[in-house]
Amino acid sequence: MTIVKIDCEPRQESGSKASRKLRASGYIPVVLYSHGQPAAPFKLDGRKWSKLFTESLHLVRLELPDGGFQMAAVREIQRDPMTQEVIHADFQGVSMDEATEFRINVEFIGTPIGVKDGGVLTISSDHIVVECLPTRVPDKVSIDIDGLAIGHSLNAGQVSLPEDVKLVSDPASVLVSITTVRAVVEEVKPEVAEVPVEGAEEAKPGEEKEEKEEKEKREKKEKKEKREKN
């Protein structure tokens, strides 16, 4: 495993405004956390170091402004969502003879048989957390998914690790699975036919007119009879 040496420069100001100003001038704000020590803010020359911040970078040697150094694990790398440029990094000081937790990327190898059969590959997580000596941390771990059929999955406990590397992630946590494509079936509402009432006859246009005229005649006759009685 290659240990990268990174030159740290002192950083006095902190906060989002100061960080934006640093990034505008080509620097990356970073913070070093150490056991029993307050967090120490530094800055790195982004043009020199940003390309080193890859997913396989786990351990670095920070060259400190006072002339000393600190071995550190890469805890978090923040990137701009649009440009993917590194905008912040957190480091955790470690001892080379003490086991430390590391976040390791998982590489999925092969094409699952379930995908060939029409299933969908779903990656739930592309990393696991392990514990080991800093000198033993693997750059990544690989898992063969060729034999994964529809309805099957692989979890963190199935990842093969070296004997001196301990799994910290939940062994039952799913990393990858093959699911079926669920067709969306549109509900078709049955057509409701009008059922004629028994005994009722459908009126024809001509019959409707005749009924209207008969009604008007009856109403006129009733009004006339009423006037004559009065």
C-alpha atoms as a PDB file:
ATOM      1  CA  MET A   1       0.000   0.000   0.000  1.00  0.00           C
ATOM      2  CA  THR A   2       1.343   3.418  -1.015  1.00  0.00           C
ATOM      3  CA  ILE A   3       1.184   6.093   1.680  1.00  0.00           C
ATOM      4  CA  VAL A   4       0.723   9.558   0.223  1.00  0.00           C
ATOM      5  CA  LYS A   5       2.551  12.481   1.846  1.00  0.00           C
ATOM      6  CA  ILE A   6       0.545  15.702   1.805  1.00  0.00           C
ATOM      7  CA  ASP A   7       1.869  19.126   2.763  1.00  0.00           C
ATOM      8  CA  CYS A   8      -0.487  21.007   5.086  1.00  0.00           C
ATOM      9  CA  GLU A   9      -0.482  24.775   5.408  1.00  0.00           C
ATOM     10  CA  PRO A  10      -1.819  26.673   8.429  1.00  0.00           C
ATOM     11  CA  ARG A  11      -5.362  28.038   8.319  1.00  0.00           C
ATOM     12  CA  GLN A  12      -6.473  30.661  10.803  1.00  0.00           C
ATOM     13  CA  GLU A  13     -10.023  31.501   9.727  1.00  0.00           C
ATOM     14  CA  SER A  14     -12.872  29.023   9.736  1.00  0.00           C
ATOM     15  CA  GLY A  15     -16.513  29.023   8.706  1.00  0.00           C
ATOM     16  CA  SER A  16     -18.317  28.772   5.388  1.00  0.00           C
ATOM     17  CA  LYS A  17     -17.363  32.285   4.232  1.00  0.00           C
ATOM     18  CA  ALA A  18     -13.663  31.671   4.881  1.00  0.00           C
ATOM     19  CA  SER A  19     -13.869  28.260   3.187  1.00  0.00           C
ATOM     20  CA  ARG A  20     -15.406  29.762   0.058  1.00  0.00           C
ATOM     21  CA  LYS A  21     -12.627  32.341  -0.034  1.00  0.00           C
ATOM     22  CA  LEU A  22     -10.007  29.596   0.286  1.00  0.00           C
ATOM     23  CA  ARG A  23     -11.534  27.557  -2.523  1.00  0.00           C
ATOM     24  CA  ALA A  24     -11.691  30.635  -4.736  1.00  0.00           C
ATOM     25  CA  SER A  25      -7.941  31.035  -4.263  1.00  0.00           C
ATOM     26  CA  GLY A  26      -7.248  27.406  -5.215  1.00  0.00           C
ATOM     27  CA  TYR A  27      -7.021  25.843  -1.754  1.00  0.00           C
ATOM     28  CA  ILE A  28      -8.926  22.964  -0.126  1.00  0.00           C
ATOM     29  CA  PRO A  29      -9.947  23.462   3.518  1.00  0.00           C
ATOM     30  CA  VAL A  30      -9.273  20.352   5.619  1.00  0.00           C
ATOM     31  CA  VAL A  31      -9.668  19.381   9.258  1.00  0.00           C
ATOM     32  CA  LEU A  32      -7.522  16.910  11.237  1.00  0.00           C
ATOM     33  CA  TYR A  33      -9.208  15.143  14.146  1.00  0.00           C
ATOM     34  CA  SER A  34      -7.032  13.411  16.745  1.00  0.00           C
ATOM     35  CA  HIS A  35      -7.878  11.507  19.917  1.00  0.00           C
ATOM     36  CA  GLY A  36      -7.826  13.844  22.901  1.00  0.00           C
ATOM     37  CA  GLN A  37      -6.864  16.832  20.775  1.00  0.00           C
ATOM     38  CA  PRO A  38      -8.969  19.715  19.430  1.00  0.00           C
ATOM     39  CA  ALA A  39      -9.767  19.675  15.731  1.00  0.00           C
ATOM     40  CA  ALA A  40      -6.962  21.302  13.741  1.00  0.00           C
ATOM     41  CA  PRO A  41      -7.883  23.241  10.571  1.00  0.00           C
ATOM     42  CA  PHE A  42      -5.426  23.297   7.658  1.00  0.00           C
ATOM     43  CA  LYS A  43      -5.453  24.022   3.965  1.00  0.00           C
ATOM     44  CA  LEU A  44      -4.045  22.156   0.975  1.00  0.00           C
ATOM     45  CA  ASP A  45      -3.000  23.387  -2.438  1.00  0.00           C
ATOM     46  CA  GLY A  46      -5.894  22.084  -4.539  1.00  0.00           C
ATOM     47  CA  ARG A  47      -3.962  22.253  -7.811  1.00  0.00           C
ATOM     48  CA  LYS A  48      -1.315  19.952  -6.339  1.00  0.00           C
ATOM     49  CA  TRP A  49      -3.328  17.507  -4.243  1.00  0.00           C
ATOM     50  CA  SER A  50      -6.940  17.322  -5.475  1.00  0.00           C
ATOM     51  CA  LYS A  51      -6.251  14.549  -8.018  1.00  0.00           C
ATOM     52  CA  LEU A  52      -4.930  12.299  -5.232  1.00  0.00           C
ATOM     53  CA  PHE A  53      -8.305  12.197  -3.509  1.00  0.00           C
ATOM     54  CA  THR A  54      -9.674   9.009  -5.052  1.00  0.00           C
ATOM     55  CA  GLU A  55     -11.925   6.306  -3.615  1.00  0.00           C
ATOM     56  CA  SER A  56      -8.869   4.110  -2.979  1.00  0.00           C
ATOM     57  CA  LEU A  57      -7.090   6.714  -0.845  1.00  0.00           C
ATOM     58  CA  HIS A  58      -7.405   5.577   2.782  1.00  0.00           C
ATOM     59  CA  LEU A  59      -4.187   6.494   4.566  1.00  0.00           C
ATOM     60  CA  VAL A  60      -2.027   9.619   4.274  1.00  0.00           C
ATOM     61  CA  ARG A  61       0.953  11.176   5.993  1.00  0.00           C
ATOM     62  CA  LEU A  62       0.157  14.803   6.745  1.00  0.00           C
ATOM     63  CA  GLU A  63       3.259  16.988   6.803  1.00  0.00           C
ATOM     64  CA  LEU A  64       2.347  19.618   9.416  1.00  0.00           C
ATOM     65  CA  PRO A  65       3.385  23.300   9.382  1.00  0.00           C
ATOM     66  CA  ASP A  66       5.429  22.869  12.599  1.00  0.00           C
ATOM     67  CA  GLY A  67       7.724  20.361  10.925  1.00  0.00           C
ATOM     68  CA  GLY A  68       6.094  17.264  12.396  1.00  0.00           C
ATOM     69  CA  PHE A  69       3.787  14.763  10.712  1.00  0.00           C
ATOM     70  CA  GLN A  70       0.638  12.811  11.493  1.00  0.00           C
ATOM     71  CA  MET A  71      -0.519   9.529   9.983  1.00  0.00           C
ATOM     72  CA  ALA A  72      -4.208   9.906   9.232  1.00  0.00           C
ATOM     73  CA  ALA A  73      -7.140   8.011   7.786  1.00  0.00           C
ATOM     74  CA  VAL A  74      -9.278   9.732   5.160  1.00  0.00           C
ATOM     75  CA  ARG A  75     -12.654  10.082   6.851  1.00  0.00           C
ATOM     76  CA  GLU A  76     -14.665  12.141   4.375  1.00  0.00           C
ATOM     77  CA  ILE A  77     -14.113  13.829   1.033  1.00  0.00           C
ATOM     78  CA  GLN A  78     -16.696  16.373  -0.065  1.00  0.00           C
ATOM     79  CA  ARG A  79     -17.045  17.200  -3.744  1.00  0.00           C
ATOM     80  CA  ASP A  80     -18.887  19.856  -5.691  1.00  0.00           C
ATOM     81  CA  PRO A  81     -22.027  18.126  -7.056  1.00  0.00           C
ATOM     82  CA  MET A  82     -21.629  19.797 -10.448  1.00  0.00           C
ATOM     83  CA  THR A  83     -17.860  19.775 -11.084  1.00  0.00           C
ATOM     84  CA  GLN A  84     -16.894  16.893  -8.752  1.00  0.00           C
ATOM     85  CA  GLU A  85     -13.941  18.967  -7.552  1.00  0.00           C
ATOM     86  CA  VAL A  86     -12.821  18.360  -3.955  1.00  0.00           C
ATOM     87  CA  ILE A  87     -14.124  21.172  -1.738  1.00  0.00           C
ATOM     88  CA  HIS A  88     -13.372  19.785   1.746  1.00  0.00           C
ATOM     89  CA  ALA A  89     -11.692  16.834   3.459  1.00  0.00           C
ATOM     90  CA  ASP A  90     -11.676  15.393   6.973  1.00  0.00           C
ATOM     91  CA  PHE A  91      -8.783  13.313   8.359  1.00  0.00           C
ATOM     92  CA  GLN A  92      -8.595  11.190  11.500  1.00  0.00           C
ATOM     93  CA  GLY A  93      -5.220  10.803  13.176  1.00  0.00           C
ATOM     94  CA  VAL A  94      -4.244   7.152  13.630  1.00  0.00           C
ATOM     95  CA  SER A  95      -1.517   5.088  15.254  1.00  0.00           C
ATOM     96  CA  MET A  96       0.199   2.616  12.948  1.00  0.00           C
ATOM     97  CA  ASP A  97       0.072  -0.143  15.571  1.00  0.00           C
ATOM     98  CA  GLU A  98      -3.608   0.353  16.487  1.00  0.00           C
ATOM     99  CA  ALA A  99      -6.589  -1.081  14.586  1.00  0.00           C
ATOM    100  CA  THR A 100      -8.734   1.613  12.952  1.00  0.00           C
ATOM    101  CA  GLU A 101     -12.006   1.661  11.055  1.00  0.00           C
ATOM    102  CA  PHE A 102     -11.876   2.335   7.322  1.00  0.00           C
ATOM    103  CA  ARG A 103     -14.563   2.710   4.688  1.00  0.00           C
ATOM    104  CA  ILE A 104     -13.689   0.435   1.753  1.00  0.00           C
ATOM    105  CA  ASN A 105     -15.219   0.469  -1.710  1.00  0.00           C
ATOM    106  CA  VAL A 106     -16.772  -2.725  -3.072  1.00  0.00           C
ATOM    107  CA  GLU A 107     -16.160  -3.613  -6.715  1.00  0.00           C
ATOM    108  CA  PHE A 108     -18.850  -5.751  -8.380  1.00  0.00           C
ATOM    109  CA  ILE A 109     -17.432  -8.083 -11.012  1.00  0.00           C
ATOM    110  CA  GLY A 110     -19.346  -9.793 -13.808  1.00  0.00           C
ATOM    111  CA  THR A 111     -22.846  -9.688 -15.287  1.00  0.00           C
ATOM    112  CA  PRO A 112     -25.506 -11.438 -13.153  1.00  0.00           C
ATOM    113  CA  ILE A 113     -27.444 -14.248 -14.787  1.00  0.00           C
ATOM    114  CA  GLY A 114     -30.569 -12.588 -13.442  1.00  0.00           C
ATOM    115  CA  VAL A 115     -29.919  -9.499 -15.581  1.00  0.00           C
ATOM    116  CA  LYS A 116     -29.581 -11.704 -18.656  1.00  0.00           C
ATOM    117  CA  ASP A 117     -32.973 -13.182 -17.759  1.00  0.00           C
ATOM    118  CA  GLY A 118     -34.578  -9.741 -17.695  1.00  0.00           C
ATOM    119  CA  GLY A 119     -34.015  -8.730 -14.071  1.00  0.00           C
ATOM    120  CA  VAL A 120     -32.769  -5.387 -12.795  1.00  0.00           C
ATOM    121  CA  LEU A 121     -29.472  -4.924 -10.953  1.00  0.00           C
ATOM    122  CA  THR A 122     -29.928  -2.818  -7.816  1.00  0.00           C
ATOM    123  CA  ILE A 123     -26.849  -1.643  -5.898  1.00  0.00           C
ATOM    124  CA  SER A 124     -27.881  -0.725  -2.359  1.00  0.00           C
ATOM    125  CA  SER A 125     -24.378   0.106  -1.158  1.00  0.00           C
ATOM    126  CA  ASP A 126     -20.984   0.240  -2.857  1.00  0.00           C
ATOM    127  CA  HIS A 127     -18.882   0.223   0.299  1.00  0.00           C
ATOM    128  CA  ILE A 128     -18.346  -1.527   3.622  1.00  0.00           C
ATOM    129  CA  VAL A 129     -16.656  -0.516   6.878  1.00  0.00           C
ATOM    130  CA  VAL A 130     -13.780  -2.657   8.133  1.00  0.00           C
ATOM    131  CA  GLU A 131     -11.334  -2.548  11.026  1.00  0.00           C
ATOM    132  CA  CYS A 132      -7.639  -3.316  10.694  1.00  0.00           C
ATOM    133  CA  LEU A 133      -4.161  -1.930  11.190  1.00  0.00           C
ATOM    134  CA  PRO A 134      -3.496   1.077   8.956  1.00  0.00           C
ATOM    135  CA  THR A 135      -0.795  -0.859   7.143  1.00  0.00           C
ATOM    136  CA  ARG A 136      -3.267  -3.636   6.272  1.00  0.00           C
ATOM    137  CA  VAL A 137      -6.164  -1.649   4.860  1.00  0.00           C
ATOM    138  CA  PRO A 138      -7.063  -2.904   1.358  1.00  0.00           C
ATOM    139  CA  ASP A 139      -7.569  -0.368  -1.430  1.00  0.00           C
ATOM    140  CA  LYS A 140     -10.874  -2.077  -2.293  1.00  0.00           C
ATOM    141  CA  VAL A 141     -12.612  -5.446  -2.129  1.00  0.00           C
ATOM    142  CA  SER A 142     -14.180  -7.333  -5.027  1.00  0.00           C
ATOM    143  CA  ILE A 143     -17.224  -9.575  -5.176  1.00  0.00           C
ATOM    144  CA  ASP A 144     -18.289 -11.819  -8.083  1.00  0.00           C
ATOM    145  CA  ILE A 145     -21.958 -11.336  -9.003  1.00  0.00           C
ATOM    146  CA  ASP A 146     -22.060 -13.547 -12.139  1.00  0.00           C
ATOM    147  CA  GLY A 147     -24.220 -16.203 -10.490  1.00  0.00           C
ATOM    148  CA  LEU A 148     -26.756 -13.805  -8.982  1.00  0.00           C
ATOM    149  CA  ALA A 149     -30.251 -14.799 -10.168  1.00  0.00           C
ATOM    150  CA  ILE A 150     -33.562 -12.947 -10.057  1.00  0.00           C
ATOM    151  CA  GLY A 151     -34.786 -12.641  -6.480  1.00  0.00           C
ATOM    152  CA  HIS A 152     -31.326 -13.188  -5.004  1.00  0.00           C
ATOM    153  CA  SER A 153     -28.997 -10.746  -3.247  1.00  0.00           C
ATOM    154  CA  LEU A 154     -25.534 -10.519  -1.720  1.00  0.00           C
ATOM    155  CA  ASN A 155     -24.829  -8.930   1.635  1.00  0.00           C
ATOM    156  CA  ALA A 156     -21.812  -7.512   3.433  1.00  0.00           C
ATOM    157  CA  GLY A 157     -21.177 -10.771   5.285  1.00  0.00           C
ATOM    158  CA  GLN A 158     -20.486 -12.520   1.969  1.00  0.00           C
ATOM    159  CA  VAL A 159     -17.554 -10.282   1.055  1.00  0.00           C
ATOM    160  CA  SER A 160     -14.248 -12.125   1.287  1.00  0.00           C
ATOM    161  CA  LEU A 161     -11.766 -10.269   3.512  1.00  0.00           C
ATOM    162  CA  PRO A 162      -8.170 -10.980   4.555  1.00  0.00           C
ATOM    163  CA  GLU A 163      -7.794 -12.711   7.925  1.00  0.00           C
ATOM    164  CA  ASP A 164      -6.451  -9.596   9.622  1.00  0.00           C
ATOM    165  CA  VAL A 165      -9.308  -7.383   8.362  1.00  0.00           C
ATOM    166  CA  LYS A 166     -12.520  -7.419  10.422  1.00  0.00           C
ATOM    167  CA  LEU A 167     -15.953  -6.517   9.070  1.00  0.00           C
ATOM    168  CA  VAL A 168     -17.633  -3.695  11.016  1.00  0.00           C
ATOM    169  CA  SER A 169     -20.664  -3.220   8.776  1.00  0.00           C
ATOM    170  CA  ASP A 170     -23.797  -5.237   9.561  1.00  0.00           C
ATOM    171  CA  PRO A 171     -23.216  -8.636   7.886  1.00  0.00           C
ATOM    172  CA  ALA A 172     -26.895  -8.754   6.891  1.00  0.00           C
ATOM    173  CA  SER A 173     -26.860  -5.388   5.095  1.00  0.00           C
ATOM    174  CA  VAL A 174     -27.631  -5.891   1.397  1.00  0.00           C
ATOM    175  CA  LEU A 175     -25.058  -4.671  -1.097  1.00  0.00           C
ATOM    176  CA  VAL A 176     -26.572  -5.781  -4.390  1.00  0.00           C
ATOM    177  CA  SER A 177     -29.734  -7.577  -5.519  1.00  0.00           C
ATOM    178  CA  ILE A 178     -31.583  -8.650  -8.667  1.00  0.00           C
ATOM    179  CA  THR A 179     -35.240  -7.703  -8.871  1.00  0.00           C
ATOM    180  CA  THR A 180     -37.961  -8.223 -11.440  1.00  0.00           C
ATOM    181  CA  VAL A 181     -39.484  -5.458 -13.494  1.00  0.00           C
ATOM    182  CA  ARG A 182     -42.989  -4.869 -12.230  1.00  0.00           C
ATOM    183  CA  ALA A 183     -45.359  -3.990 -15.032  1.00  0.00           C
ATOM    184  CA  VAL A 184     -47.764  -1.214 -14.197  1.00  0.00           C
ATOM    185  CA  VAL A 185     -51.240  -2.553 -14.976  1.00  0.00           C
ATOM    186  CA  GLU A 186     -53.777   0.184 -15.583  1.00  0.00           C
ATOM    187  CA  GLU A 187     -57.051  -0.525 -13.873  1.00  0.00           C
ATOM    188  CA  VAL A 188     -59.842  -0.646 -16.422  1.00  0.00           C
ATOM    189  CA  LYS A 189     -63.187   0.328 -15.013  1.00  0.00           C
ATOM    190  CA  PRO A 190     -66.043  -1.755 -16.448  1.00  0.00           C
ATOM    191  CA  GLU A 191     -68.568   0.121 -18.500  1.00  0.00           C
ATOM    192  CA  VAL A 192     -71.887   0.431 -16.709  1.00  0.00           C
ATOM    193  CA  ALA A 193     -74.794  -0.226 -19.065  1.00  0.00           C
ATOM    194  CA  GLU A 194     -78.080   1.517 -18.449  1.00  0.00           C
ATOM    195  CA  VAL A 195     -80.663  -1.059 -17.504  1.00  0.00           C
ATOM    196  CA  PRO A 196     -84.253  -0.095 -18.366  1.00  0.00           C
ATOM    197  CA  VAL A 197     -86.712  -0.198 -15.513  1.00  0.00           C
ATOM    198  CA  GLU A 198     -89.188  -3.013 -15.857  1.00  0.00           C
ATOM    199  CA  GLY A 199     -92.533  -1.754 -17.112  1.00  0.00           C
ATOM    200  CA  ALA A 200     -91.157   1.532 -18.323  1.00  0.00           C
ATOM    201  CA  GLU A 201     -91.358   2.333 -22.008  1.00  0.00           C
ATOM    202  CA  GLU A 202     -88.798   4.439 -23.783  1.00  0.00           C
ATOM    203  CA  ALA A 203     -90.465   7.612 -25.011  1.00  0.00           C
ATOM    204  CA  LYS A 204     -90.056   8.528 -28.658  1.00  0.00           C
ATOM    205  CA  PRO A 205     -89.471  12.131 -29.747  1.00  0.00           C
ATOM    206  CA  GLY A 206     -92.975  12.390 -31.289  1.00  0.00           C
ATOM    207  CA  GLU A 207     -94.626  10.957 -28.203  1.00  0.00           C
ATOM    208  CA  GLU A 208     -92.841  13.440 -25.962  1.00  0.00           C
ATOM    209  CA  LYS A 209     -94.258  16.332 -28.007  1.00  0.00           C
ATOM    210  CA  GLU A 210     -97.802  14.952 -27.819  1.00  0.00           C
ATOM    211  CA  GLU A 211     -97.539  14.499 -24.048  1.00  0.00           C
ATOM    212  CA  LYS A 212     -96.401  18.100 -23.662  1.00  0.00           C
ATOM    213  CA  GLU A 213     -99.343  19.411 -25.721  1.00  0.00           C
ATOM    214  CA  GLU A 214    -101.835  17.324 -23.737  1.00  0.00           C
ATOM    215  CA  LYS A 215    -100.416  18.680 -20.493  1.00  0.00           C
ATOM    216  CA  GLU A 216    -100.772  22.279 -21.673  1.00  0.00           C
ATOM    217  CA  LYS A 217    -104.415  21.657 -22.698  1.00  0.00           C
ATOM    218  CA  ARG A 218    -105.249  20.191 -19.287  1.00  0.00           C
ATOM    219  CA  GLU A 219    -103.655  23.138 -17.497  1.00  0.00           C
ATOM    220  CA  LYS A 220    -105.653  25.654 -19.626  1.00  0.00           C
ATOM    221  CA  LYS A 221    -108.895  23.761 -18.990  1.00  0.00           C
ATOM    222  CA  GLU A 222    -108.291  23.713 -15.238  1.00  0.00           C
ATOM    223  CA  LYS A 223    -107.622  27.458 -15.187  1.00  0.00           C
ATOM    224  CA  LYS A 224    -110.819  28.155 -17.179  1.00  0.00           C
ATOM    225  CA  GLU A 225    -112.959  26.033 -14.844  1.00  0.00           C
ATOM    226  CA  LYS A 226    -111.477  27.806 -11.860  1.00  0.00           C
ATOM    227  CA  ARG A 227    -112.344  31.267 -13.269  1.00  0.00           C
ATOM    228  CA  GLU A 228    -115.945  30.228 -13.994  1.00  0.00           C
ATOM    229  CA  LYS A 229    -116.478  29.014 -10.419  1.00  0.00           C
ATOM    230  CA  ASN A 230    -115.220  32.325  -9.071  1.00  0.00           C
END
